Amino acid sequence: MATQRRRFVKEFNPHITCYICKGYLIKPTTVTECLHTFCKTCIVQHFEESNDCPKCGNQVHETNPLEMLRLDNTLEEIIFKLVPGLREDGVNVKRPREDEEENDDDRDYHRSDPQIAICLDCLRNNSQSGDNIVKGLMKKFIRCSTRVTVGTIKKFLSLKLKLPSTYELDVLCNGEIMGKDHTMEFIYMTRWRLRGENSYPMVLQYRPRIDFG
């Protein structure tokens, strides 16, 4: 019975996975112009860079493609029934392993792990020293493993912002500085989740480190 169910889900994978992130659709959102469906976070992030559908290439809207998006609650319920546990996982997306290539693990760190979408927002303070070299990212939305730590996020930011190796950053959630060993899953469950399910993706802010000593 379990084997038949897996085969059934595998047949449906092309219809319940996101063309952009290749994971199961989270908050399925359809482009009304061409009827292609993506994860809400994925398509919103895409439309920050382009007005075209990422799948068919057709222009969705000349100025504001976000107006052409509609949540598909019916499809979401179907996915929850086909993939038990996905509803409880919330933002955690387990990718369909049967469609992964053998070399995927080498190209995407922790790809088979549950994934989480994060917005990395620069916390600006004009009176703060060092603020002039800590800028906002051109692409502030990322998707990563829930096991990624704050320390790894800091390294990612330092690389993208081309900061000196000795330069230190604070990473905050809801105004609270996060420890370098905190994982994204821990922060989501203990800090961000309290905001409610509509607060998605999780927002982490960064700034030059403040020495309170």
N, C-alpha and C. Protein backbone atom coordinates (compact mmCIF):
# COMPACT_ATOMS: atom_id res chain seq x y z
N MET A 1 0.83 -1.21 0.00
CA MET A 1 0.00 0.00 0.00
C MET A 1 0.86 1.26 0.00
N ALA A 2 1.92 1.23 0.85
CA ALA A 2 2.82 2.38 0.93
C ALA A 2 3.55 2.58 -0.39
N THR A 3 3.93 1.45 -1.05
CA THR A 3 4.62 1.54 -2.33
C THR A 3 3.72 2.16 -3.39
N GLN A 4 2.45 1.75 -3.39
CA GLN A 4 1.49 2.30 -4.35
C GLN A 4 1.29 3.80 -4.13
N ARG A 5 1.27 4.21 -2.86
CA ARG A 5 1.08 5.63 -2.55
C ARG A 5 2.27 6.45 -3.04
N ARG A 6 3.50 5.92 -2.81
CA ARG A 6 4.69 6.64 -3.27
C ARG A 6 4.69 6.78 -4.79
N ARG A 7 4.27 5.70 -5.48
CA ARG A 7 4.21 5.75 -6.94
C ARG A 7 3.17 6.77 -7.40
N PHE A 8 2.04 6.81 -6.68
CA PHE A 8 0.98 7.76 -7.01
C PHE A 8 1.46 9.20 -6.83
N VAL A 9 2.14 9.46 -5.70
CA VAL A 9 2.66 10.81 -5.44
C VAL A 9 3.70 11.18 -6.48
N LYS A 10 4.56 10.22 -6.85
CA LYS A 10 5.60 10.49 -7.84
C LYS A 10 4.99 10.92 -9.17
N GLU A 11 3.88 10.29 -9.56
CA GLU A 11 3.21 10.66 -10.81
C GLU A 11 2.68 12.09 -10.76
N PHE A 12 2.31 12.54 -9.56
CA PHE A 12 1.76 13.89 -9.41
C PHE A 12 2.83 14.95 -9.18
N ASN A 13 4.07 14.53 -8.93
CA ASN A 13 5.13 15.49 -8.59
C ASN A 13 5.23 16.67 -9.56
N PRO A 14 5.14 16.45 -10.88
CA PRO A 14 5.24 17.60 -11.79
C PRO A 14 4.16 18.65 -11.56
N HIS A 15 3.03 18.24 -10.97
CA HIS A 15 1.91 19.16 -10.77
C HIS A 15 1.90 19.80 -9.39
N ILE A 16 2.71 19.28 -8.47
CA ILE A 16 2.69 19.80 -7.09
C ILE A 16 4.05 20.31 -6.64
N THR A 17 4.98 20.44 -7.58
CA THR A 17 6.29 21.00 -7.24
C THR A 17 6.49 22.34 -7.93
N CYS A 18 7.31 23.15 -7.32
CA CYS A 18 7.55 24.51 -7.82
C CYS A 18 8.63 24.50 -8.90
N TYR A 19 8.36 25.15 -10.02
CA TYR A 19 9.30 25.22 -11.13
C TYR A 19 10.58 25.96 -10.73
N ILE A 20 10.47 26.87 -9.76
CA ILE A 20 11.62 27.70 -9.38
C ILE A 20 12.53 26.99 -8.39
N CYS A 21 11.98 26.50 -7.28
CA CYS A 21 12.82 25.91 -6.23
C CYS A 21 12.88 24.39 -6.29
N LYS A 22 12.01 23.76 -7.10
CA LYS A 22 11.95 22.31 -7.27
C LYS A 22 11.42 21.57 -6.04
N GLY A 23 10.96 22.30 -5.03
CA GLY A 23 10.37 21.67 -3.85
C GLY A 23 8.86 21.62 -3.97
N TYR A 24 8.20 20.94 -3.01
CA TYR A 24 6.74 20.92 -3.01
C TYR A 24 6.21 22.34 -2.85
N LEU A 25 5.10 22.63 -3.51
CA LEU A 25 4.52 23.97 -3.49
C LEU A 25 4.08 24.36 -2.08
N ILE A 26 4.58 25.48 -1.60
CA ILE A 26 4.18 26.04 -0.31
C ILE A 26 3.40 27.32 -0.58
N LYS A 27 2.16 27.36 -0.09
CA LYS A 27 1.24 28.46 -0.40
C LYS A 27 1.17 28.65 -1.93
N PRO A 28 0.67 27.63 -2.65
CA PRO A 28 0.62 27.68 -4.12
C PRO A 28 -0.02 28.97 -4.62
N THR A 29 0.68 29.66 -5.49
CA THR A 29 0.23 30.95 -6.01
C THR A 29 0.27 30.92 -7.53
N THR A 30 -0.87 31.20 -8.14
CA THR A 30 -1.01 31.09 -9.59
C THR A 30 -0.94 32.45 -10.26
N VAL A 31 -0.23 32.49 -11.39
CA VAL A 31 -0.19 33.68 -12.23
C VAL A 31 -1.43 33.65 -13.12
N THR A 32 -2.34 34.57 -12.92
CA THR A 32 -3.63 34.52 -13.63
C THR A 32 -3.48 34.73 -15.13
N GLU A 33 -2.40 35.34 -15.57
CA GLU A 33 -2.19 35.60 -16.99
C GLU A 33 -1.91 34.33 -17.77
N CYS A 34 -1.14 33.39 -17.16
CA CYS A 34 -0.76 32.17 -17.89
C CYS A 34 -1.12 30.89 -17.13
N LEU A 35 -1.61 31.04 -15.90
CA LEU A 35 -2.08 29.93 -15.06
C LEU A 35 -0.96 28.99 -14.60
N HIS A 36 0.28 29.47 -14.57
CA HIS A 36 1.36 28.69 -13.98
C HIS A 36 1.43 28.97 -12.49
N THR A 37 1.76 27.93 -11.71
CA THR A 37 1.71 28.03 -10.26
C THR A 37 3.08 27.81 -9.64
N PHE A 38 3.39 28.60 -8.61
CA PHE A 38 4.69 28.54 -7.93
C PHE A 38 4.47 28.71 -6.43
N CYS A 39 5.53 28.46 -5.63
CA CYS A 39 5.48 28.83 -4.22
C CYS A 39 5.29 30.34 -4.14
N LYS A 40 4.52 30.80 -3.18
CA LYS A 40 4.28 32.23 -3.04
C LYS A 40 5.58 33.02 -2.91
N THR A 41 6.45 32.55 -2.02
CA THR A 41 7.71 33.26 -1.80
C THR A 41 8.57 33.27 -3.05
N CYS A 42 8.62 32.14 -3.76
CA CYS A 42 9.46 32.03 -4.96
C CYS A 42 9.02 33.01 -6.04
N ILE A 43 7.72 33.08 -6.31
CA ILE A 43 7.25 33.93 -7.41
C ILE A 43 7.33 35.41 -7.03
N VAL A 44 7.08 35.73 -5.76
CA VAL A 44 7.20 37.12 -5.32
C VAL A 44 8.65 37.58 -5.46
N GLN A 45 9.59 36.72 -5.06
CA GLN A 45 11.00 37.04 -5.20
C GLN A 45 11.38 37.21 -6.67
N HIS A 46 10.88 36.32 -7.52
CA HIS A 46 11.18 36.41 -8.96
C HIS A 46 10.69 37.72 -9.55
N PHE A 47 9.50 38.16 -9.16
CA PHE A 47 8.92 39.38 -9.72
C PHE A 47 9.62 40.65 -9.22
N GLU A 48 10.50 40.51 -8.25
CA GLU A 48 11.32 41.66 -7.87
C GLU A 48 12.38 41.95 -8.92
N GLU A 49 12.70 40.92 -9.73
CA GLU A 49 13.74 41.06 -10.75
C GLU A 49 13.18 41.10 -12.17
N SER A 50 11.98 40.57 -12.37
CA SER A 50 11.45 40.43 -13.73
C SER A 50 9.93 40.51 -13.72
N ASN A 51 9.35 40.96 -14.84
CA ASN A 51 7.89 41.00 -15.01
C ASN A 51 7.38 39.82 -15.83
N ASP A 52 8.27 38.88 -16.16
CA ASP A 52 7.91 37.74 -17.00
C ASP A 52 7.70 36.49 -16.15
N CYS A 53 6.82 35.60 -16.62
CA CYS A 53 6.63 34.31 -15.96
C CYS A 53 7.92 33.50 -16.09
N PRO A 54 8.44 32.93 -15.00
CA PRO A 54 9.70 32.19 -15.09
C PRO A 54 9.58 30.88 -15.86
N LYS A 55 8.36 30.39 -16.07
CA LYS A 55 8.18 29.12 -16.77
C LYS A 55 7.96 29.30 -18.26
N CYS A 56 7.05 30.19 -18.65
CA CYS A 56 6.73 30.34 -20.08
C CYS A 56 7.38 31.57 -20.70
N GLY A 57 7.85 32.51 -19.88
CA GLY A 57 8.52 33.69 -20.40
C GLY A 57 7.61 34.81 -20.83
N ASN A 58 6.29 34.62 -20.72
CA ASN A 58 5.36 35.67 -21.13
C ASN A 58 5.34 36.81 -20.11
N GLN A 59 5.18 38.04 -20.60
CA GLN A 59 5.09 39.18 -19.70
C GLN A 59 3.77 39.10 -18.93
N VAL A 60 3.85 39.19 -17.61
CA VAL A 60 2.67 39.08 -16.77
C VAL A 60 1.98 40.43 -16.62
N HIS A 61 2.75 41.48 -16.42
CA HIS A 61 2.21 42.83 -16.27
C HIS A 61 3.34 43.81 -16.56
N GLU A 62 3.01 44.94 -17.17
CA GLU A 62 4.04 45.90 -17.55
C GLU A 62 4.75 46.51 -16.36
N THR A 63 4.01 46.79 -15.30
CA THR A 63 4.60 47.51 -14.17
C THR A 63 4.50 46.78 -12.83
N ASN A 64 3.40 46.06 -12.60
CA ASN A 64 3.20 45.43 -11.30
C ASN A 64 2.66 44.01 -11.44
N PRO A 65 3.52 43.03 -11.70
CA PRO A 65 3.06 41.65 -11.90
C PRO A 65 2.43 41.04 -10.65
N LEU A 66 2.72 41.61 -9.47
CA LEU A 66 2.15 41.06 -8.24
C LEU A 66 0.62 41.14 -8.23
N GLU A 67 0.07 42.07 -9.01
CA GLU A 67 -1.38 42.19 -9.10
C GLU A 67 -2.03 40.97 -9.77
N MET A 68 -1.22 40.21 -10.49
CA MET A 68 -1.75 39.08 -11.25
C MET A 68 -1.59 37.75 -10.51
N LEU A 69 -1.33 37.78 -9.22
CA LEU A 69 -1.14 36.56 -8.43
C LEU A 69 -2.38 36.23 -7.61
N ARG A 70 -2.70 34.95 -7.54
CA ARG A 70 -3.82 34.49 -6.73
C ARG A 70 -3.42 33.20 -5.99
N LEU A 71 -3.70 33.16 -4.69
CA LEU A 71 -3.45 31.94 -3.92
C LEU A 71 -4.41 30.84 -4.37
N ASP A 72 -3.91 29.61 -4.46
CA ASP A 72 -4.73 28.47 -4.86
C ASP A 72 -4.93 27.57 -3.64
N ASN A 73 -5.94 27.86 -2.84
CA ASN A 73 -6.19 27.11 -1.61
C ASN A 73 -6.60 25.67 -1.88
N THR A 74 -7.28 25.44 -3.00
CA THR A 74 -7.70 24.07 -3.34
C THR A 74 -6.50 23.19 -3.61
N LEU A 75 -5.56 23.69 -4.40
CA LEU A 75 -4.34 22.93 -4.70
C LEU A 75 -3.54 22.69 -3.42
N GLU A 76 -3.53 23.67 -2.54
CA GLU A 76 -2.80 23.52 -1.28
C GLU A 76 -3.35 22.35 -0.47
N GLU A 77 -4.68 22.22 -0.41
CA GLU A 77 -5.30 21.12 0.33
C GLU A 77 -4.98 19.78 -0.31
N ILE A 78 -4.94 19.74 -1.64
CA ILE A 78 -4.60 18.50 -2.35
C ILE A 78 -3.18 18.08 -2.01
N ILE A 79 -2.26 19.04 -2.00
CA ILE A 79 -0.86 18.74 -1.69
C ILE A 79 -0.73 18.22 -0.27
N PHE A 80 -1.44 18.83 0.67
CA PHE A 80 -1.39 18.38 2.06
C PHE A 80 -1.86 16.93 2.18
N LYS A 81 -2.86 16.54 1.37
CA LYS A 81 -3.37 15.18 1.42
C LYS A 81 -2.40 14.19 0.77
N LEU A 82 -1.71 14.64 -0.28
CA LEU A 82 -0.77 13.77 -0.98
C LEU A 82 0.54 13.61 -0.22
N VAL A 83 0.92 14.63 0.53
CA VAL A 83 2.21 14.63 1.23
C VAL A 83 1.96 14.79 2.73
N PRO A 84 1.70 13.69 3.45
CA PRO A 84 1.42 13.78 4.89
C PRO A 84 2.58 14.43 5.64
N GLY A 85 2.26 15.30 6.58
CA GLY A 85 3.29 15.95 7.37
C GLY A 85 3.69 17.31 6.86
N LEU A 86 3.38 17.60 5.60
CA LEU A 86 3.80 18.89 5.04
C LEU A 86 3.08 20.05 5.72
N ARG A 87 1.81 19.86 6.08
CA ARG A 87 1.05 20.91 6.76
C ARG A 87 1.70 21.23 8.11
N GLU A 88 2.10 20.19 8.85
CA GLU A 88 2.72 20.40 10.16
C GLU A 88 4.09 21.04 10.02
N ASP A 89 4.79 20.72 8.93
CA ASP A 89 6.13 21.26 8.75
C ASP A 89 6.11 22.76 8.55
N GLY A 90 4.97 23.30 8.12
CA GLY A 90 4.88 24.75 7.90
C GLY A 90 5.77 25.17 6.75
N VAL A 91 6.87 25.91 7.06
CA VAL A 91 7.74 26.41 6.00
C VAL A 91 8.72 25.36 5.54
N ASN A 92 8.79 24.20 6.20
CA ASN A 92 9.77 23.20 5.83
C ASN A 92 9.33 22.46 4.58
N VAL A 93 10.18 22.43 3.59
CA VAL A 93 9.83 21.82 2.32
C VAL A 93 10.73 20.62 2.07
N LYS A 94 10.14 19.41 2.08
CA LYS A 94 10.93 18.24 1.75
C LYS A 94 10.87 18.02 0.25
N ARG A 95 11.99 18.04 -0.39
CA ARG A 95 12.03 17.91 -1.84
C ARG A 95 11.79 16.46 -2.24
N PRO A 96 11.15 16.23 -3.39
CA PRO A 96 10.90 14.87 -3.87
C PRO A 96 12.20 14.21 -4.29
N ARG A 97 12.74 13.30 -3.47
CA ARG A 97 14.07 12.74 -3.70
C ARG A 97 14.14 11.91 -4.96
N GLU A 98 13.03 11.29 -5.38
CA GLU A 98 13.10 10.44 -6.55
C GLU A 98 13.41 11.23 -7.82
N ASP A 99 13.22 12.54 -7.80
CA ASP A 99 13.51 13.35 -8.98
C ASP A 99 14.89 13.97 -8.92
N GLU A 100 15.64 13.76 -7.83
CA GLU A 100 16.95 14.38 -7.70
C GLU A 100 18.00 13.57 -8.45
N GLU A 101 18.95 14.23 -9.01
CA GLU A 101 20.04 13.57 -9.68
C GLU A 101 21.09 13.17 -8.65
N GLU A 102 21.95 12.22 -9.00
CA GLU A 102 22.92 11.70 -8.06
C GLU A 102 23.88 12.77 -7.59
N ASN A 103 24.20 13.74 -8.42
CA ASN A 103 25.19 14.74 -8.08
C ASN A 103 24.61 15.98 -7.43
N ASP A 104 23.31 15.97 -7.14
CA ASP A 104 22.68 17.17 -6.58
C ASP A 104 23.30 17.58 -5.26
N ASP A 105 23.69 16.58 -4.42
CA ASP A 105 24.23 16.91 -3.10
C ASP A 105 25.52 17.71 -3.21
N ASP A 106 26.28 17.49 -4.29
CA ASP A 106 27.51 18.23 -4.48
C ASP A 106 27.25 19.67 -4.90
N ARG A 107 26.10 19.92 -5.52
CA ARG A 107 25.81 21.25 -6.05
C ARG A 107 25.00 22.10 -5.08
N ASP A 108 24.33 21.45 -4.12
CA ASP A 108 23.43 22.20 -3.25
C ASP A 108 23.55 21.67 -1.83
N TYR A 109 24.21 22.44 -0.96
CA TYR A 109 24.45 22.04 0.41
C TYR A 109 23.14 21.82 1.16
N HIS A 110 23.01 20.63 1.77
CA HIS A 110 21.81 20.27 2.54
C HIS A 110 20.55 20.31 1.67
N ARG A 111 20.66 20.01 0.39
CA ARG A 111 19.50 20.13 -0.49
C ARG A 111 18.35 19.23 -0.06
N SER A 112 18.67 18.03 0.47
CA SER A 112 17.61 17.10 0.85
C SER A 112 16.97 17.45 2.19
N ASP A 113 17.53 18.44 2.89
CA ASP A 113 16.96 18.87 4.16
C ASP A 113 15.67 19.67 3.94
N PRO A 114 14.83 19.78 4.98
CA PRO A 114 13.73 20.75 4.92
C PRO A 114 14.29 22.14 4.65
N GLN A 115 13.61 22.91 3.83
CA GLN A 115 14.09 24.23 3.42
C GLN A 115 13.24 25.33 4.05
N ILE A 116 13.83 26.50 4.19
CA ILE A 116 13.11 27.65 4.73
C ILE A 116 13.47 28.89 3.91
N ALA A 117 12.49 29.73 3.65
CA ALA A 117 12.72 30.98 2.94
C ALA A 117 13.00 32.08 3.96
N ILE A 118 14.01 32.89 3.67
CA ILE A 118 14.44 33.94 4.60
C ILE A 118 14.63 35.25 3.84
N CYS A 119 14.24 36.34 4.48
CA CYS A 119 14.53 37.68 3.97
C CYS A 119 15.62 38.28 4.84
N LEU A 120 16.75 38.66 4.23
CA LEU A 120 17.87 39.28 4.95
C LEU A 120 17.80 40.78 4.74
N ASP A 121 17.46 41.49 5.79
CA ASP A 121 17.18 42.92 5.70
C ASP A 121 18.25 43.71 6.45
N CYS A 122 18.79 44.73 5.81
CA CYS A 122 19.81 45.56 6.43
C CYS A 122 19.16 46.52 7.42
N LEU A 123 19.63 46.49 8.67
CA LEU A 123 19.12 47.38 9.71
C LEU A 123 19.98 48.63 9.72
N ARG A 124 19.43 49.71 9.21
CA ARG A 124 20.22 50.94 9.03
C ARG A 124 20.12 51.83 10.25
N ASN A 125 21.26 52.43 10.59
CA ASN A 125 21.34 53.38 11.71
C ASN A 125 22.41 54.40 11.35
N ASN A 126 21.98 55.58 10.96
CA ASN A 126 22.92 56.58 10.46
C ASN A 126 23.96 57.00 11.49
N SER A 127 23.65 56.84 12.76
CA SER A 127 24.58 57.26 13.80
C SER A 127 25.57 56.17 14.17
N GLN A 128 25.44 55.00 13.55
CA GLN A 128 26.25 53.85 13.93
C GLN A 128 27.51 53.79 13.08
N SER A 129 28.67 53.67 13.73
CA SER A 129 29.93 53.58 13.00
C SER A 129 29.96 52.28 12.20
N GLY A 130 30.51 52.35 10.99
CA GLY A 130 30.59 51.17 10.14
C GLY A 130 29.38 50.96 9.28
N ASP A 131 28.35 51.78 9.48
CA ASP A 131 27.11 51.60 8.73
C ASP A 131 27.31 51.88 7.24
N ASN A 132 28.34 52.67 6.93
CA ASN A 132 28.54 53.05 5.53
C ASN A 132 29.00 51.89 4.66
N ILE A 133 29.57 50.84 5.25
CA ILE A 133 30.02 49.71 4.43
C ILE A 133 29.06 48.52 4.50
N VAL A 134 28.09 48.59 5.39
CA VAL A 134 27.09 47.52 5.48
C VAL A 134 25.85 47.96 4.72
N LYS A 135 25.67 47.37 3.56
CA LYS A 135 24.59 47.78 2.66
C LYS A 135 23.50 46.70 2.59
N GLY A 136 22.41 47.06 1.94
CA GLY A 136 21.37 46.08 1.66
C GLY A 136 21.78 45.19 0.50
N LEU A 137 21.35 43.95 0.51
CA LEU A 137 21.66 43.01 -0.57
C LEU A 137 20.79 43.31 -1.79
N MET A 138 21.34 43.09 -2.98
CA MET A 138 20.55 43.24 -4.20
C MET A 138 19.43 42.19 -4.23
N LYS A 139 19.75 40.98 -3.79
CA LYS A 139 18.76 39.91 -3.70
C LYS A 139 18.70 39.48 -2.24
N LYS A 140 17.71 39.98 -1.52
CA LYS A 140 17.68 39.75 -0.08
C LYS A 140 16.89 38.51 0.33
N PHE A 141 16.26 37.83 -0.63
CA PHE A 141 15.53 36.61 -0.32
C PHE A 141 16.38 35.39 -0.65
N ILE A 142 16.51 34.48 0.30
CA ILE A 142 17.25 33.24 0.06
C ILE A 142 16.43 32.07 0.55
N ARG A 143 16.78 30.88 0.09
CA ARG A 143 16.17 29.64 0.58
C ARG A 143 17.32 28.73 1.00
N CYS A 144 17.26 28.23 2.21
CA CYS A 144 18.36 27.42 2.72
C CYS A 144 17.83 26.32 3.63
N SER A 145 18.72 25.43 4.05
CA SER A 145 18.36 24.36 4.97
C SER A 145 17.96 24.93 6.32
N THR A 146 17.02 24.28 6.99
CA THR A 146 16.64 24.71 8.33
C THR A 146 17.77 24.46 9.33
N ARG A 147 18.80 23.68 8.93
CA ARG A 147 19.92 23.40 9.82
C ARG A 147 21.03 24.45 9.72
N VAL A 148 20.91 25.36 8.78
CA VAL A 148 21.91 26.42 8.66
C VAL A 148 21.91 27.28 9.92
N THR A 149 23.11 27.64 10.37
CA THR A 149 23.24 28.43 11.60
C THR A 149 23.41 29.92 11.29
N VAL A 150 23.26 30.72 12.34
CA VAL A 150 23.48 32.17 12.21
C VAL A 150 24.92 32.44 11.79
N GLY A 151 25.85 31.63 12.29
CA GLY A 151 27.24 31.79 11.90
C GLY A 151 27.44 31.66 10.40
N THR A 152 26.73 30.71 9.79
CA THR A 152 26.81 30.53 8.33
C THR A 152 26.17 31.71 7.61
N ILE A 153 25.07 32.21 8.13
CA ILE A 153 24.42 33.39 7.54
C ILE A 153 25.37 34.58 7.58
N LYS A 154 26.10 34.74 8.68
CA LYS A 154 27.06 35.84 8.79
C LYS A 154 28.16 35.72 7.73
N LYS A 155 28.64 34.48 7.52
CA LYS A 155 29.67 34.26 6.50
C LYS A 155 29.12 34.59 5.11
N PHE A 156 27.88 34.19 4.87
CA PHE A 156 27.23 34.48 3.59
C PHE A 156 27.14 35.99 3.36
N LEU A 157 26.71 36.72 4.40
CA LEU A 157 26.59 38.18 4.30
C LEU A 157 27.94 38.83 4.06
N SER A 158 28.95 38.38 4.79
CA SER A 158 30.29 38.95 4.64
C SER A 158 30.81 38.76 3.22
N LEU A 159 30.51 37.59 2.65
CA LEU A 159 30.94 37.30 1.28
C LEU A 159 30.21 38.18 0.28
N LYS A 160 28.88 38.27 0.42
CA LYS A 160 28.09 39.06 -0.52
C LYS A 160 28.38 40.55 -0.42
N LEU A 161 28.64 41.03 0.80
CA LEU A 161 28.89 42.46 1.02
C LEU A 161 30.36 42.82 0.88
N LYS A 162 31.20 41.77 0.65
CA LYS A 162 32.65 41.97 0.49
C LYS A 162 33.25 42.71 1.68
N LEU A 163 32.92 42.23 2.87
CA LEU A 163 33.41 42.84 4.09
C LEU A 163 34.79 42.29 4.44
N PRO A 164 35.61 43.06 5.15
CA PRO A 164 36.91 42.56 5.62
C PRO A 164 36.72 41.33 6.50
N SER A 165 37.70 40.43 6.50
CA SER A 165 37.57 39.19 7.25
C SER A 165 37.42 39.42 8.75
N THR A 166 37.91 40.56 9.24
CA THR A 166 37.83 40.86 10.67
C THR A 166 36.53 41.58 11.05
N TYR A 167 35.74 41.94 10.04
CA TYR A 167 34.52 42.71 10.31
C TYR A 167 33.44 41.80 10.87
N GLU A 168 32.75 42.25 11.90
CA GLU A 168 31.73 41.42 12.55
C GLU A 168 30.35 42.04 12.42
N LEU A 169 29.36 41.16 12.30
CA LEU A 169 27.96 41.58 12.16
C LEU A 169 27.11 41.03 13.29
N ASP A 170 26.04 41.73 13.60
CA ASP A 170 24.97 41.19 14.44
C ASP A 170 23.84 40.74 13.52
N VAL A 171 23.23 39.60 13.84
CA VAL A 171 22.03 39.14 13.14
C VAL A 171 20.90 39.09 14.16
N LEU A 172 19.79 39.73 13.83
CA LEU A 172 18.68 39.86 14.77
C LEU A 172 17.38 39.29 14.21
N CYS A 173 16.53 38.84 15.11
CA CYS A 173 15.16 38.44 14.76
C CYS A 173 14.23 39.07 15.78
N ASN A 174 13.25 39.80 15.29
CA ASN A 174 12.32 40.52 16.18
C ASN A 174 13.06 41.44 17.15
N GLY A 175 14.17 42.03 16.69
CA GLY A 175 14.92 42.97 17.51
C GLY A 175 15.87 42.33 18.50
N GLU A 176 15.95 41.00 18.52
CA GLU A 176 16.82 40.28 19.46
C GLU A 176 18.02 39.70 18.73
N ILE A 177 19.22 39.94 19.28
CA ILE A 177 20.44 39.41 18.67
C ILE A 177 20.46 37.89 18.79
N MET A 178 20.74 37.21 17.69
CA MET A 178 20.76 35.75 17.66
C MET A 178 22.19 35.23 17.83
N GLY A 179 22.34 34.16 18.60
CA GLY A 179 23.64 33.53 18.79
C GLY A 179 24.11 32.83 17.53
N LYS A 180 25.41 32.73 17.36
CA LYS A 180 25.97 32.18 16.11
C LYS A 180 25.63 30.71 15.89
N ASP A 181 25.31 29.99 16.97
CA ASP A 181 25.00 28.57 16.83
C ASP A 181 23.50 28.29 16.68
N HIS A 182 22.68 29.33 16.73
CA HIS A 182 21.24 29.14 16.54
C HIS A 182 20.97 28.71 15.10
N THR A 183 20.16 27.67 14.92
CA THR A 183 19.78 27.25 13.57
C THR A 183 18.54 28.02 13.13
N MET A 184 18.29 28.00 11.81
CA MET A 184 17.11 28.68 11.28
C MET A 184 15.83 28.05 11.83
N GLU A 185 15.85 26.73 12.01
CA GLU A 185 14.67 26.06 12.55
C GLU A 185 14.40 26.53 13.98
N PHE A 186 15.46 26.63 14.80
CA PHE A 186 15.30 27.07 16.19
C PHE A 186 14.74 28.49 16.24
N ILE A 187 15.28 29.37 15.41
CA ILE A 187 14.81 30.76 15.41
C ILE A 187 13.36 30.84 14.96
N TYR A 188 13.01 30.08 13.93
CA TYR A 188 11.63 30.10 13.44
C TYR A 188 10.67 29.62 14.52
N MET A 189 11.03 28.52 15.19
CA MET A 189 10.11 27.92 16.17
C MET A 189 10.00 28.75 17.44
N THR A 190 11.09 29.42 17.85
CA THR A 190 11.09 30.10 19.15
C THR A 190 10.93 31.62 19.06
N ARG A 191 11.17 32.21 17.89
CA ARG A 191 11.10 33.66 17.77
C ARG A 191 10.08 34.12 16.72
N TRP A 192 10.13 33.51 15.55
CA TRP A 192 9.34 34.02 14.43
C TRP A 192 7.93 33.47 14.38
N ARG A 193 7.76 32.23 14.77
CA ARG A 193 6.47 31.55 14.63
C ARG A 193 5.36 32.27 15.39
N LEU A 194 5.72 32.96 16.46
CA LEU A 194 4.73 33.65 17.29
C LEU A 194 4.02 34.77 16.54
N ARG A 195 4.59 35.20 15.41
CA ARG A 195 3.98 36.29 14.65
C ARG A 195 2.77 35.82 13.86
N GLY A 196 2.61 34.51 13.69
CA GLY A 196 1.47 33.98 12.94
C GLY A 196 1.91 33.47 11.59
N GLU A 197 1.10 32.59 10.99
CA GLU A 197 1.47 31.92 9.75
C GLU A 197 1.54 32.86 8.55
N ASN A 198 0.91 34.03 8.64
CA ASN A 198 0.95 34.95 7.52
C ASN A 198 2.25 35.74 7.44
N SER A 199 3.06 35.65 8.50
CA SER A 199 4.34 36.35 8.52
C SER A 199 5.39 35.46 7.86
N TYR A 200 5.45 35.49 6.56
CA TYR A 200 6.31 34.61 5.79
C TYR A 200 6.80 35.36 4.57
N PRO A 201 8.09 35.33 4.25
CA PRO A 201 9.13 34.52 4.87
C PRO A 201 9.64 35.11 6.18
N MET A 202 10.47 34.33 6.87
CA MET A 202 11.07 34.82 8.11
C MET A 202 12.08 35.93 7.78
N VAL A 203 12.03 37.01 8.55
CA VAL A 203 12.92 38.14 8.32
C VAL A 203 14.03 38.16 9.37
N LEU A 204 15.27 38.16 8.91
CA LEU A 204 16.43 38.35 9.77
C LEU A 204 17.07 39.68 9.40
N GLN A 205 17.39 40.48 10.38
CA GLN A 205 18.04 41.76 10.13
C GLN A 205 19.52 41.66 10.48
N TYR A 206 20.34 42.43 9.80
CA TYR A 206 21.77 42.45 10.11
C TYR A 206 22.27 43.89 10.19
N ARG A 207 23.33 44.08 10.95
CA ARG A 207 23.91 45.40 11.16
C ARG A 207 25.36 45.23 11.62
N PRO A 208 26.16 46.31 11.61
CA PRO A 208 27.50 46.22 12.20
C PRO A 208 27.39 45.82 13.66
N ARG A 209 28.30 44.98 14.10
CA ARG A 209 28.24 44.52 15.49
C ARG A 209 28.39 45.69 16.46
N ILE A 210 27.54 45.69 17.50
CA ILE A 210 27.61 46.72 18.54
C ILE A 210 28.26 46.11 19.78
N ASP A 211 29.33 46.72 20.24
CA ASP A 211 30.03 46.26 21.44
C ASP A 211 29.43 46.95 22.65
N PHE A 212 28.70 46.20 23.46
CA PHE A 212 28.05 46.78 24.63
C PHE A 212 28.98 46.83 25.84
N GLY A 213 30.18 46.27 25.67
CA GLY A 213 31.12 46.28 26.78
C GLY A 213 31.80 47.60 26.95
